[in-house]
C-alpha atoms as a PDB file:
ATOM      1  CA  MET A   1      -0.098   0.000   0.132  1.00  0.00           C
ATOM      2  CA  THR A   2       1.161   3.651  -0.235  1.00  0.00           C
ATOM      3  CA  SER A   3       1.917   5.742   2.717  1.00  0.00           C
ATOM      4  CA  GLY A   4      -1.636   7.860   2.451  1.00  0.00           C
ATOM      5  CA  GLN A   5      -4.273   7.783   4.743  1.00  0.00           C
ATOM      6  CA  LEU A   6      -6.758   5.030   4.882  1.00  0.00           C
ATOM      7  CA  MET A   7     -10.132   5.797   5.885  1.00  0.00           C
ATOM      8  CA  PHE A   8     -13.352   4.617   6.287  1.00  0.00           C
ATOM      9  CA  ARG A   9     -16.751   6.277   5.865  1.00  0.00           C
ATOM     10  CA  LYS A  10     -20.370   5.765   4.664  1.00  0.00           C
ATOM     11  CA  ALA A  11     -20.641   5.844   1.003  1.00  0.00           C
ATOM     12  CA  GLU A  12     -21.804   8.802  -0.857  1.00  0.00           C
ATOM     13  CA  LYS A  13     -23.271   9.749  -4.397  1.00  0.00           C
ATOM     14  CA  SER A  14     -19.994  10.745  -5.490  1.00  0.00           C
ATOM     15  CA  ASP A  15     -18.610   7.427  -4.962  1.00  0.00           C
ATOM     16  CA  ALA A  16     -20.969   5.555  -7.300  1.00  0.00           C
ATOM     17  CA  ASP A  17     -18.515   5.167 -10.226  1.00  0.00           C
ATOM     18  CA  GLN A  18     -15.743   3.600  -8.200  1.00  0.00           C
ATOM     19  CA  ILE A  19     -18.174   1.156  -6.163  1.00  0.00           C
ATOM     20  CA  PHE A  20     -19.707   0.135  -9.504  1.00  0.00           C
ATOM     21  CA  ALA A  21     -16.298  -0.939 -10.564  1.00  0.00           C
ATOM     22  CA  LEU A  22     -15.322  -2.869  -7.511  1.00  0.00           C
ATOM     23  CA  ALA A  23     -18.955  -4.518  -7.939  1.00  0.00           C
ATOM     24  CA  ARG A  24     -18.396  -5.824 -11.455  1.00  0.00           C
ATOM     25  CA  GLU A  25     -15.283  -7.291  -9.688  1.00  0.00           C
ATOM     26  CA  PHE A  26     -17.141  -8.855  -7.048  1.00  0.00           C
ATOM     27  CA  ALA A  27     -19.896 -10.426  -8.903  1.00  0.00           C
ATOM     28  CA  LEU A  28     -19.608 -14.018 -10.412  1.00  0.00           C
ATOM     29  CA  THR A  29     -22.623 -15.532 -10.995  1.00  0.00           C
ATOM     30  CA  PHE A  30     -24.478 -11.688 -12.023  1.00  0.00           C
ATOM     31  CA  ARG A  31     -22.902  -9.057 -14.183  1.00  0.00           C
ATOM     32  CA  PRO A  32     -23.784  -5.887 -12.573  1.00  0.00           C
ATOM     33  CA  GLU A  33     -25.491  -3.448 -15.193  1.00  0.00           C
ATOM     34  CA  ARG A  34     -25.170   0.018 -14.572  1.00  0.00           C
ATOM     35  CA  ALA A  35     -28.621   1.418 -15.072  1.00  0.00           C
ATOM     36  CA  SER A  36     -29.473  -1.194 -12.364  1.00  0.00           C
ATOM     37  CA  PHE A  37     -26.865  -0.185 -10.209  1.00  0.00           C
ATOM     38  CA  ASP A  38     -28.065   3.551 -10.494  1.00  0.00           C
ATOM     39  CA  ALA A  39     -31.255   2.914  -9.863  1.00  0.00           C
ATOM     40  CA  ALA A  40     -30.357   1.122  -6.556  1.00  0.00           C
ATOM     41  CA  PHE A  41     -27.559   3.151  -5.091  1.00  0.00           C
ATOM     42  CA  PRO A  42     -29.414   6.125  -4.310  1.00  0.00           C
ATOM     43  CA  GLN A  43     -31.828   3.782  -2.248  1.00  0.00           C
ATOM     44  CA  LEU A  44     -29.138   1.755  -0.825  1.00  0.00           C
ATOM     45  CA  LEU A  45     -28.060   5.222   0.679  1.00  0.00           C
ATOM     46  CA  GLU A  46     -31.182   6.571   1.879  1.00  0.00           C
ATOM     47  CA  ASN A  47     -32.545   3.297   3.582  1.00  0.00           C
ATOM     48  CA  GLU A  48     -31.736   3.695   7.036  1.00  0.00           C
ATOM     49  CA  ASP A  49     -31.708  -0.052   7.536  1.00  0.00           C
ATOM     50  CA  THR A  50     -28.531  -0.440   5.298  1.00  0.00           C
ATOM     51  CA  LEU A  51     -25.129   0.452   5.764  1.00  0.00           C
ATOM     52  CA  LEU A  52     -22.707   1.172   2.833  1.00  0.00           C
ATOM     53  CA  ILE A  53     -19.273   1.623   3.698  1.00  0.00           C
ATOM     54  CA  VAL A  54     -16.235   2.535   1.971  1.00  0.00           C
ATOM     55  CA  ALA A  55     -12.243   2.241   2.469  1.00  0.00           C
ATOM     56  CA  THR A  56     -10.694   5.332   0.924  1.00  0.00           C
ATOM     57  CA  LEU A  57      -6.943   5.416   0.225  1.00  0.00           C
ATOM     58  CA  ASP A  58      -5.500   9.079  -1.072  1.00  0.00           C
ATOM     59  CA  GLY A  59      -9.115   9.778  -1.793  1.00  0.00           C
ATOM     60  CA  ALA A  60     -10.009   6.540  -4.291  1.00  0.00           C
ATOM     61  CA  VAL A  61     -12.410   3.727  -3.051  1.00  0.00           C
ATOM     62  CA  ARG A  62     -10.354   0.697  -2.367  1.00  0.00           C
ATOM     63  CA  GLY A  63     -12.960  -1.539  -1.003  1.00  0.00           C
ATOM     64  CA  TYR A  64     -16.875  -1.530   0.249  1.00  0.00           C
ATOM     65  CA  LEU A  65     -19.081  -3.355   2.442  1.00  0.00           C
ATOM     66  CA  LEU A  66     -23.212  -3.540   1.784  1.00  0.00           C
ATOM     67  CA  GLY A  67     -25.215  -5.004   4.664  1.00  0.00           C
ATOM     68  CA  PHE A  68     -28.366  -4.596   6.338  1.00  0.00           C
ATOM     69  CA  SER A  69     -30.121  -4.951   9.434  1.00  0.00           C
ATOM     70  CA  HIS A  70     -33.565  -6.579   9.680  1.00  0.00           C
ATOM     71  CA  LEU A  71     -36.111  -8.077  12.337  1.00  0.00           C
ATOM     72  CA  THR A  72     -36.499 -11.407  12.796  1.00  0.00           C
ATOM     73  CA  LEU A  73     -38.885 -13.807  14.787  1.00  0.00           C
ATOM     74  CA  PHE A  74     -36.310 -16.253  15.857  1.00  0.00           C
ATOM     75  CA  ALA A  75     -33.544 -13.921  17.380  1.00  0.00           C
ATOM     76  CA  ASN A  76     -35.717 -12.190  19.346  1.00  0.00           C
ATOM     77  CA  GLY A  77     -35.149  -8.893  17.402  1.00  0.00           C
ATOM     78  CA  PRO A  78     -32.614  -7.577  14.525  1.00  0.00           C
ATOM     79  CA  VAL A  79     -30.012  -9.222  12.640  1.00  0.00           C
ATOM     80  CA  ALA A  80     -27.509  -8.041  10.203  1.00  0.00           C
ATOM     81  CA  TRP A  81     -26.331  -9.501   6.951  1.00  0.00           C
ATOM     82  CA  VAL A  82     -23.516  -8.987   5.041  1.00  0.00           C
ATOM     83  CA  GLU A  83     -24.349  -8.936   1.298  1.00  0.00           C
ATOM     84  CA  GLU A  84     -21.203  -7.506  -0.588  1.00  0.00           C
ATOM     85  CA  ALA A  85     -17.786  -7.063   0.751  1.00  0.00           C
ATOM     86  CA  MET A  86     -15.206  -6.093  -1.899  1.00  0.00           C
ATOM     87  CA  ILE A  87     -11.680  -5.252  -1.997  1.00  0.00           C
ATOM     88  CA  GLU A  88      -9.606  -4.046  -4.799  1.00  0.00           C
ATOM     89  CA  ASN A  89      -7.191  -7.022  -5.418  1.00  0.00           C
ATOM     90  CA  LYS A  90      -3.810  -5.057  -4.646  1.00  0.00           C
ATOM     91  CA  TYR A  91      -5.293  -3.977  -1.682  1.00  0.00           C
ATOM     92  CA  ARG A  92      -6.224  -7.216   0.173  1.00  0.00           C
ATOM     93  CA  ARG A  93      -4.248  -8.691   3.007  1.00  0.00           C
ATOM     94  CA  HIS A  94      -3.915  -5.315   4.364  1.00  0.00           C
ATOM     95  CA  GLY A  95      -6.633  -5.180   6.853  1.00  0.00           C
ATOM     96  CA  ILE A  96      -9.120  -3.104   4.982  1.00  0.00           C
ATOM     97  CA  GLY A  97     -11.406  -5.944   4.941  1.00  0.00           C
ATOM     98  CA  ARG A  98     -11.366  -6.417   8.538  1.00  0.00           C
ATOM     99  CA  ARG A  99     -11.902  -2.949   9.258  1.00  0.00           C
ATOM    100  CA  LEU A 100     -14.680  -2.826   7.219  1.00  0.00           C
ATOM    101  CA  LEU A 101     -16.163  -5.549   8.927  1.00  0.00           C
ATOM    102  CA  GLU A 102     -15.484  -4.284  12.358  1.00  0.00           C
ATOM    103  CA  GLU A 103     -17.331  -0.904  11.255  1.00  0.00           C
ATOM    104  CA  PHE A 104     -20.089  -3.000  10.126  1.00  0.00           C
ATOM    105  CA  GLU A 105     -20.322  -5.098  13.468  1.00  0.00           C
ATOM    106  CA  THR A 106     -20.104  -1.977  15.599  1.00  0.00           C
ATOM    107  CA  TRP A 107     -23.098  -0.253  13.367  1.00  0.00           C
ATOM    108  CA  ALA A 108     -25.015  -3.845  13.847  1.00  0.00           C
ATOM    109  CA  ARG A 109     -24.463  -3.506  17.905  1.00  0.00           C
ATOM    110  CA  SER A 110     -25.974  -0.069  17.656  1.00  0.00           C
ATOM    111  CA  ARG A 111     -28.764  -1.434  16.072  1.00  0.00           C
ATOM    112  CA  GLY A 112     -29.483  -4.090  18.702  1.00  0.00           C
ATOM    113  CA  ALA A 113     -28.548  -7.027  16.466  1.00  0.00           C
ATOM    114  CA  GLY A 114     -28.099 -10.493  17.805  1.00  0.00           C
ATOM    115  CA  TYR A 115     -25.291 -11.442  15.437  1.00  0.00           C
ATOM    116  CA  VAL A 116     -23.706 -10.856  12.185  1.00  0.00           C
ATOM    117  CA  ALA A 117     -23.866 -12.896   9.484  1.00  0.00           C
ATOM    118  CA  MET A 118     -22.859 -13.502   5.524  1.00  0.00           C
ATOM    119  CA  ALA A 119     -23.220 -16.435   2.785  1.00  0.00           C
ATOM    120  CA  THR A 120     -19.850 -16.860   1.207  1.00  0.00           C
ATOM    121  CA  ARG A 121     -17.675 -19.651  -0.355  1.00  0.00           C
ATOM    122  CA  ARG A 122     -14.418 -17.177  -0.425  1.00  0.00           C
ATOM    123  CA  ALA A 123     -12.377 -16.579   2.429  1.00  0.00           C
ATOM    124  CA  ALA A 124     -13.243 -19.133   5.003  1.00  0.00           C
ATOM    125  CA  GLU A 125      -9.690 -18.597   6.736  1.00  0.00           C
ATOM    126  CA  PHE A 126     -10.473 -14.667   6.985  1.00  0.00           C
ATOM    127  CA  TYR A 127     -13.677 -15.005   8.795  1.00  0.00           C
ATOM    128  CA  GLY A 128     -12.658 -17.781  11.005  1.00  0.00           C
ATOM    129  CA  ALA A 129      -9.645 -15.567  12.139  1.00  0.00           C
ATOM    130  CA  LEU A 130     -12.380 -13.153  13.148  1.00  0.00           C
ATOM    131  CA  GLY A 131     -14.395 -15.382  15.100  1.00  0.00           C
ATOM    132  CA  TYR A 132     -17.123 -15.997  12.537  1.00  0.00           C
ATOM    133  CA  GLU A 133     -18.328 -19.822  12.415  1.00  0.00           C
ATOM    134  CA  VAL A 134     -19.831 -21.881   9.600  1.00  0.00           C
ATOM    135  CA  ALA A 135     -23.465 -21.817  10.995  1.00  0.00           C
ATOM    136  CA  GLY A 136     -25.581 -23.371   8.007  1.00  0.00           C
ATOM    137  CA  THR A 137     -25.788 -24.038   4.385  1.00  0.00           C
ATOM    138  CA  TYR A 138     -26.714 -21.575   1.917  1.00  0.00           C
ATOM    139  CA  TYR A 139     -29.547 -22.649  -0.726  1.00  0.00           C
ATOM    140  CA  ARG A 140     -30.594 -20.598  -3.542  1.00  0.00           C
ATOM    141  CA  LYS A 141     -33.147 -20.550  -6.291  1.00  0.00           C
ATOM    142  CA  MET A 142     -32.902 -18.243  -9.467  1.00  0.00           C
ATOM    143  CA  CYS A 143     -36.175 -16.126 -10.007  1.00  0.00           C
ATOM    144  CA  ASN A 144     -36.105 -16.095 -13.760  1.00  0.00           C
END
């Protein structure tokens, strides 16, 4: 990494192009389309049950995390779900993902979430080192 200052903050409208570029790198099953992204992005920024945070270095977005808090019946209140977490390839293994997840965990606790979870087939060692454990199997059925 360069010697610049690494910062973490909520995403802003001006981050759209850089986040879109990272989202295209993230997606394996789907290919993000700009029109759909542009329709969803401002809604995510405005939704109080959504946290979209970015890691910036020298003013450029190098990673982002998108997560949600929602009510449940079984957990006696809200839980938090990480939907997307992406770090630009050359900035991985520098603590950015850990810091993004810590920021999300702090937000989740502030909302009274019983736990934080995500579905992923990647980075099992990373999540295990942060105290996450395998807790289930993820099923998916395409709608179209």
